[in-house]
C-alpha cells in the first residue's frame, strides 16, 4: 500500500473507508450497529466505508466506537510542537 503522502485525496479517503470497514468487522459489528453506536445513520456509515466521506464529528465518533481514537493524537502531535501563531501573514507580493 502506498503511503498517504503519495496518494490523491480521493484515494486517501477510500483507504480510510476500507480501514473503518475492516475495524468494524474485527469488532463483529454490523453497519447498523455502528450507526447506532455513533448516533449516525446507516447511509452515513455506508458512505464512509464506500468512499471515505463523512463529517469529522462522525469520523471521531466511529474512531471512539472502534477504540482507535487514541491514534488521533499522533495526527496532530506536530501542531502542538510548533510555535503558536495568532494569524497567518499575507504572501509577499512585489
N, C-alpha and C. Protein backbone atom coordinates (compact mmCIF):
# COMPACT_ATOMS: atom_id res chain seq x y z
N UNK A 1 0.84 -1.19 0.00
CA UNK A 1 0.00 0.00 0.00
C UNK A 1 0.88 1.25 0.00
N UNK A 2 0.48 2.23 -0.79
CA UNK A 2 1.22 3.48 -0.89
C UNK A 2 1.07 4.29 0.38
N UNK A 3 2.12 5.05 0.75
CA UNK A 3 1.98 5.99 1.86
C UNK A 3 1.00 7.11 1.48
N UNK A 4 0.33 7.66 2.46
CA UNK A 4 -0.67 8.69 2.20
C UNK A 4 -0.10 9.88 1.43
N UNK A 5 1.16 10.25 1.68
CA UNK A 5 1.70 11.44 1.02
C UNK A 5 1.88 11.24 -0.49
N UNK A 6 1.75 10.02 -0.98
CA UNK A 6 1.85 9.75 -2.42
C UNK A 6 0.48 9.49 -3.06
N UNK A 7 -0.57 9.59 -2.28
CA UNK A 7 -1.92 9.29 -2.76
C UNK A 7 -2.71 10.56 -3.00
N UNK A 8 -3.70 10.46 -3.87
CA UNK A 8 -4.63 11.58 -4.08
C UNK A 8 -5.56 11.68 -2.87
N UNK A 9 -6.18 12.83 -2.67
CA UNK A 9 -7.14 12.95 -1.57
C UNK A 9 -8.25 11.90 -1.65
N UNK A 10 -8.73 11.63 -2.86
CA UNK A 10 -9.79 10.63 -3.03
C UNK A 10 -9.31 9.24 -2.64
N UNK A 11 -8.07 8.91 -2.99
CA UNK A 11 -7.52 7.60 -2.64
C UNK A 11 -7.32 7.47 -1.14
N UNK A 12 -6.90 8.55 -0.49
CA UNK A 12 -6.75 8.54 0.97
C UNK A 12 -8.11 8.29 1.62
N UNK A 13 -9.13 8.98 1.16
CA UNK A 13 -10.48 8.80 1.71
C UNK A 13 -10.95 7.36 1.53
N UNK A 14 -10.71 6.80 0.35
CA UNK A 14 -11.09 5.41 0.10
C UNK A 14 -10.37 4.45 1.02
N UNK A 15 -9.09 4.71 1.27
CA UNK A 15 -8.31 3.87 2.18
C UNK A 15 -8.84 3.96 3.61
N UNK A 16 -9.16 5.16 4.04
CA UNK A 16 -9.73 5.34 5.38
C UNK A 16 -11.04 4.58 5.49
N UNK A 17 -11.89 4.68 4.48
CA UNK A 17 -13.16 3.96 4.49
C UNK A 17 -12.96 2.45 4.59
N UNK A 18 -12.01 1.93 3.83
CA UNK A 18 -11.71 0.49 3.87
C UNK A 18 -11.19 0.07 5.25
N UNK A 19 -10.38 0.90 5.86
CA UNK A 19 -9.86 0.59 7.20
C UNK A 19 -10.97 0.60 8.24
N UNK A 20 -11.90 1.55 8.10
CA UNK A 20 -13.05 1.58 9.01
C UNK A 20 -13.85 0.29 8.86
N UNK A 21 -14.09 -0.13 7.63
CA UNK A 21 -14.84 -1.37 7.39
C UNK A 21 -14.14 -2.57 8.04
N UNK A 22 -12.82 -2.66 7.86
CA UNK A 22 -12.08 -3.78 8.47
C UNK A 22 -12.15 -3.75 9.99
N UNK A 23 -12.02 -2.57 10.58
CA UNK A 23 -12.11 -2.45 12.03
C UNK A 23 -13.50 -2.82 12.54
N UNK A 24 -14.52 -2.37 11.80
CA UNK A 24 -15.90 -2.70 12.19
C UNK A 24 -16.10 -4.20 12.20
N UNK A 25 -15.64 -4.86 11.15
CA UNK A 25 -15.79 -6.32 11.07
C UNK A 25 -14.96 -7.02 12.14
N UNK A 26 -13.80 -6.48 12.44
CA UNK A 26 -12.97 -7.06 13.50
C UNK A 26 -13.69 -6.98 14.86
N UNK A 27 -14.49 -5.93 15.05
CA UNK A 27 -15.28 -5.80 16.28
C UNK A 27 -16.61 -6.54 16.18
N UNK A 28 -16.82 -7.24 15.06
CA UNK A 28 -18.02 -8.03 14.83
C UNK A 28 -19.30 -7.18 14.93
N UNK A 29 -19.26 -6.02 14.28
CA UNK A 29 -20.39 -5.10 14.28
C UNK A 29 -20.98 -5.00 12.88
N UNK A 30 -22.29 -4.88 12.80
CA UNK A 30 -22.92 -4.58 11.53
C UNK A 30 -22.83 -3.08 11.29
N UNK A 31 -23.08 -2.67 10.07
CA UNK A 31 -23.10 -1.24 9.79
C UNK A 31 -24.18 -0.54 10.61
N UNK A 32 -25.32 -1.19 10.77
CA UNK A 32 -26.40 -0.59 11.56
C UNK A 32 -26.00 -0.44 13.02
N UNK A 33 -25.33 -1.44 13.58
CA UNK A 33 -24.88 -1.35 14.97
C UNK A 33 -23.89 -0.19 15.14
N UNK A 34 -22.97 -0.04 14.19
CA UNK A 34 -22.02 1.07 14.27
C UNK A 34 -22.74 2.40 14.14
N UNK A 35 -23.72 2.48 13.26
CA UNK A 35 -24.51 3.70 13.12
C UNK A 35 -25.21 4.05 14.44
N UNK A 36 -25.79 3.05 15.08
CA UNK A 36 -26.47 3.27 16.36
C UNK A 36 -25.49 3.73 17.44
N UNK A 37 -24.31 3.14 17.47
CA UNK A 37 -23.30 3.49 18.48
C UNK A 37 -22.78 4.92 18.31
N UNK A 38 -22.80 5.41 17.07
CA UNK A 38 -22.20 6.71 16.77
C UNK A 38 -23.23 7.81 16.57
N UNK A 39 -24.50 7.48 16.76
CA UNK A 39 -25.60 8.43 16.53
C UNK A 39 -25.63 8.89 15.08
N UNK A 40 -25.11 8.06 14.20
CA UNK A 40 -25.12 8.35 12.76
C UNK A 40 -26.20 7.53 12.08
N UNK A 41 -26.32 7.75 10.80
CA UNK A 41 -27.30 6.98 10.03
C UNK A 41 -26.60 5.83 9.32
N UNK A 42 -27.38 4.85 8.94
CA UNK A 42 -26.84 3.72 8.19
C UNK A 42 -26.22 4.20 6.89
N UNK A 43 -26.88 5.14 6.22
CA UNK A 43 -26.34 5.64 4.95
C UNK A 43 -25.01 6.38 5.15
N UNK A 44 -24.85 7.04 6.28
CA UNK A 44 -23.58 7.72 6.57
C UNK A 44 -22.45 6.73 6.76
N UNK A 45 -22.73 5.63 7.45
CA UNK A 45 -21.71 4.60 7.65
C UNK A 45 -21.37 3.94 6.32
N UNK A 46 -22.38 3.68 5.52
CA UNK A 46 -22.13 3.08 4.20
C UNK A 46 -21.28 4.00 3.33
N UNK A 47 -21.58 5.29 3.36
CA UNK A 47 -20.81 6.27 2.58
C UNK A 47 -19.38 6.35 3.08
N UNK A 48 -19.20 6.32 4.39
CA UNK A 48 -17.86 6.35 4.97
C UNK A 48 -17.05 5.15 4.52
N UNK A 49 -17.64 3.98 4.58
CA UNK A 49 -16.91 2.77 4.20
C UNK A 49 -16.68 2.68 2.69
N UNK A 50 -17.62 3.13 1.91
CA UNK A 50 -17.51 3.01 0.45
C UNK A 50 -16.58 4.05 -0.17
N UNK A 51 -16.69 5.31 0.33
CA UNK A 51 -15.95 6.38 -0.31
C UNK A 51 -15.08 7.19 0.65
N UNK A 52 -15.16 6.87 1.93
CA UNK A 52 -14.38 7.62 2.90
C UNK A 52 -14.92 9.01 3.14
N UNK A 53 -16.19 9.23 2.85
CA UNK A 53 -16.80 10.54 3.02
C UNK A 53 -17.67 10.55 4.27
N UNK A 54 -17.34 11.46 5.18
CA UNK A 54 -18.11 11.59 6.42
C UNK A 54 -17.75 12.90 7.09
N UNK A 55 -18.67 13.48 7.81
CA UNK A 55 -18.33 14.66 8.61
C UNK A 55 -17.28 14.28 9.66
N UNK A 56 -16.47 15.24 10.02
CA UNK A 56 -15.41 14.99 11.00
C UNK A 56 -15.99 14.44 12.31
N UNK A 57 -17.10 14.98 12.76
CA UNK A 57 -17.71 14.51 14.01
C UNK A 57 -18.04 13.02 13.94
N UNK A 58 -18.59 12.58 12.81
CA UNK A 58 -18.90 11.16 12.67
C UNK A 58 -17.62 10.32 12.67
N UNK A 59 -16.59 10.80 12.00
CA UNK A 59 -15.33 10.07 11.97
C UNK A 59 -14.74 9.93 13.37
N UNK A 60 -14.84 10.97 14.18
CA UNK A 60 -14.36 10.90 15.57
C UNK A 60 -15.21 9.90 16.36
N UNK A 61 -16.51 9.95 16.20
CA UNK A 61 -17.38 9.01 16.92
C UNK A 61 -17.12 7.56 16.51
N UNK A 62 -16.90 7.34 15.22
CA UNK A 62 -16.56 6.00 14.73
C UNK A 62 -15.23 5.55 15.33
N UNK A 63 -14.26 6.45 15.40
CA UNK A 63 -12.97 6.13 15.99
C UNK A 63 -13.11 5.75 17.46
N UNK A 64 -13.99 6.44 18.16
CA UNK A 64 -14.24 6.09 19.57
C UNK A 64 -14.91 4.73 19.67
N UNK A 65 -15.91 4.50 18.85
CA UNK A 65 -16.64 3.23 18.91
C UNK A 65 -15.73 2.04 18.56
N UNK A 66 -14.80 2.27 17.63
CA UNK A 66 -13.90 1.19 17.22
C UNK A 66 -12.60 1.17 18.02
N UNK A 67 -12.54 2.00 19.05
CA UNK A 67 -11.44 2.04 20.01
C UNK A 67 -10.09 2.36 19.37
N UNK A 68 -10.10 3.32 18.44
CA UNK A 68 -8.86 3.77 17.82
C UNK A 68 -8.69 5.29 17.93
N UNK A 69 -9.51 5.91 18.78
CA UNK A 69 -9.47 7.37 18.90
C UNK A 69 -8.12 7.86 19.43
N UNK A 70 -7.41 7.04 20.19
CA UNK A 70 -6.11 7.45 20.71
C UNK A 70 -5.10 7.70 19.59
N UNK A 71 -5.33 7.14 18.42
CA UNK A 71 -4.41 7.34 17.31
C UNK A 71 -4.55 8.72 16.67
N UNK A 72 -5.59 9.45 17.02
CA UNK A 72 -5.73 10.82 16.54
C UNK A 72 -4.65 11.72 17.13
N UNK A 73 -4.15 11.37 18.33
CA UNK A 73 -3.10 12.17 18.96
C UNK A 73 -1.91 12.36 18.03
N UNK A 74 -1.45 11.28 17.42
CA UNK A 74 -0.27 11.38 16.57
C UNK A 74 -0.54 12.20 15.31
N UNK A 75 -1.79 12.27 14.89
CA UNK A 75 -2.14 13.02 13.70
C UNK A 75 -1.86 14.51 13.87
N UNK A 76 -2.15 15.03 15.04
CA UNK A 76 -1.99 16.47 15.27
C UNK A 76 -0.89 16.79 16.28
N UNK A 77 -0.07 15.82 16.58
CA UNK A 77 1.02 15.98 17.54
C UNK A 77 1.97 17.11 17.13
N UNK A 78 2.32 17.16 15.87
CA UNK A 78 3.28 18.16 15.39
C UNK A 78 2.75 19.57 15.60
N UNK A 79 1.46 19.78 15.45
CA UNK A 79 0.87 21.11 15.61
C UNK A 79 1.11 21.65 17.02
N UNK A 80 1.12 20.80 18.01
CA UNK A 80 1.36 21.23 19.38
C UNK A 80 2.80 21.63 19.60
N UNK A 81 3.70 21.08 18.81
CA UNK A 81 5.13 21.37 18.96
C UNK A 81 5.52 22.68 18.29
N UNK A 82 4.71 23.18 17.38
CA UNK A 82 5.01 24.41 16.67
C UNK A 82 4.66 25.62 17.52
N UNK A 83 5.32 26.72 17.22
CA UNK A 83 5.03 27.96 17.94
C UNK A 83 3.60 28.38 17.66
N UNK A 84 2.96 28.94 18.65
CA UNK A 84 1.59 29.39 18.50
C UNK A 84 1.56 30.71 17.74
N UNK A 85 0.80 30.74 16.67
CA UNK A 85 0.65 31.96 15.87
C UNK A 85 -0.78 32.44 16.01
N UNK A 86 -0.94 33.72 15.98
CA UNK A 86 -2.27 34.29 16.09
C UNK A 86 -2.97 34.39 14.73
N UNK A 87 -2.17 34.60 13.67
CA UNK A 87 -2.73 34.67 12.31
C UNK A 87 -1.62 34.45 11.31
N UNK A 88 -2.03 34.11 10.11
CA UNK A 88 -1.07 33.90 9.04
C UNK A 88 -0.68 35.23 8.42
N UNK A 89 0.54 35.30 7.93
CA UNK A 89 0.99 36.51 7.24
C UNK A 89 0.55 36.43 5.78
N UNK A 90 0.19 37.60 5.22
CA UNK A 90 -0.14 37.58 3.79
C UNK A 90 1.14 37.30 2.98
N UNK A 91 0.97 36.69 1.84
CA UNK A 91 2.11 36.39 0.99
C UNK A 91 2.71 37.69 0.47
N UNK A 92 4.03 37.71 0.35
CA UNK A 92 4.73 38.88 -0.16
C UNK A 92 4.46 39.03 -1.65
N UNK A 93 4.03 40.19 -2.06
CA UNK A 93 3.79 40.47 -3.47
C UNK A 93 4.65 41.64 -3.90
N UNK A 94 5.59 41.42 -4.82
CA UNK A 94 6.47 42.54 -5.26
C UNK A 94 5.75 43.55 -6.14
